[in-house]
Amino acid sequence: MKFSAKQFLAVAGFTVFMTGGAYGEALGRYGADADTVTISGISSGGMMTVQAHVAYSGTFKGAAVFAAMPYYCVQGEKFSPKHPCVASTSGTDLRIASLVEITKKWAAAGIIDPVANLNTAKVYIFHGTQDTLVHPGAGIGLNQYYRSLVKDGNIIYDDSTAAEHAWITWQSREEVNSCTIKAPPFISNCNTDPQKTFLQHFYGSVSEKVASLTGAFVEFDQTEFFNDGKAAEQSVADTGWVYIPAACNKGNSNCRAHVALHGCTQSHSQIGDQFIKLNGLNEYADSNKMIVIYPQTKADPAKNPYGCWDFWGYTGDNYAQKSGPQPRMLKRIVDRVTTPG
């Protein structure tokens, strides 16, 4: 697939995005390497990262999780900010052994991919010590959960940074908060480079980030990745975004593919392009031939007013399984990008 003329934009200022039709363009087939697909996310996006990684562990080879909880932690219970899965300070009340057992049971039944895939997965966990929204106990529990399934040496767990609830980036632009601030757009600088750290963990080595982007942002249709085409009914936006480095602009690119998931109140309709442009991934994507996919939720006043990814069951009891509408959408998006054009 080649870019159309209207897909190129002035990336230096990051203020202009290509717009397609009512539902954007059909997502292209780029022939990305299916064996190197990874995923990351913050808060509810971090929780969906864990769900997609565990449910489709044959697809996602690595996961980077910021400020999130263990797999299937809420278990469809009534959710509130006082629920142990976000309010725990120690992680001892998160039923980790039970969650691991459920994971193995579902894998044996084919509801999720085999847990053997997780043994060799690469996992990066970041949880700030000052997080007052998803408390540090959730990160402790997530680390314990993954250590029950992933081999020693394949997990990096950063639990020593005095960060509030945010995606942590190396970017230092005006819109980026300092490390201890919890405020929109929930993107903070802690004088570290987590993107380099987790990409190196995933791939072994990475080239240094570029100073200026050379690729293009493309708005794509998300509705086609649902059986009935009704993305909004699953609190998903009609369109998402993808960053295509210039080196990946062909139907047999053999580039890597990475999915990056925003958190609650961070979708494009809520904060514009700030998560997409400030997360710190695109600059590494350019120098490391990596397509970055930015799926988008849509707030639903009745069941999901903050535009969160589903980590408690508003899309149905299967929300954390392969048949769950949102994890299945992510799998289908990846399948498209890794298909030769």
Foldseek 3Di string as FASTA:
>chain_A
DFDDPQQDDDQPVPPDGRADPPLFAADAQQQADQVQEAEEEFELSLQVNQLLCLQEVVRHQEYEHELAAAHCQQLQPDDDQCPCLQNPAALPPRPLVVVLVVSCVCCVVVQGPHLLSLQRGAYEYEYACLEPRRHCSRLVSNVVNSPVRYHPPRYHYHHPQNAYRAQEACDDDPQADDRHDDDPPRYHYRPDHVLQVRVCSSPVHADDFDPTADWGKGKHALLVLFPVSCQVVQQFDRIWIKTFGPQSRALNNNAYEYEYEYAFQNFCVRVNCCCVSGNHVRRRCNRRVYMYIYTAGHADVPQRNRRGQDSNAPQHSSCSTCPRSVSSSVVVSSVSHSHGD
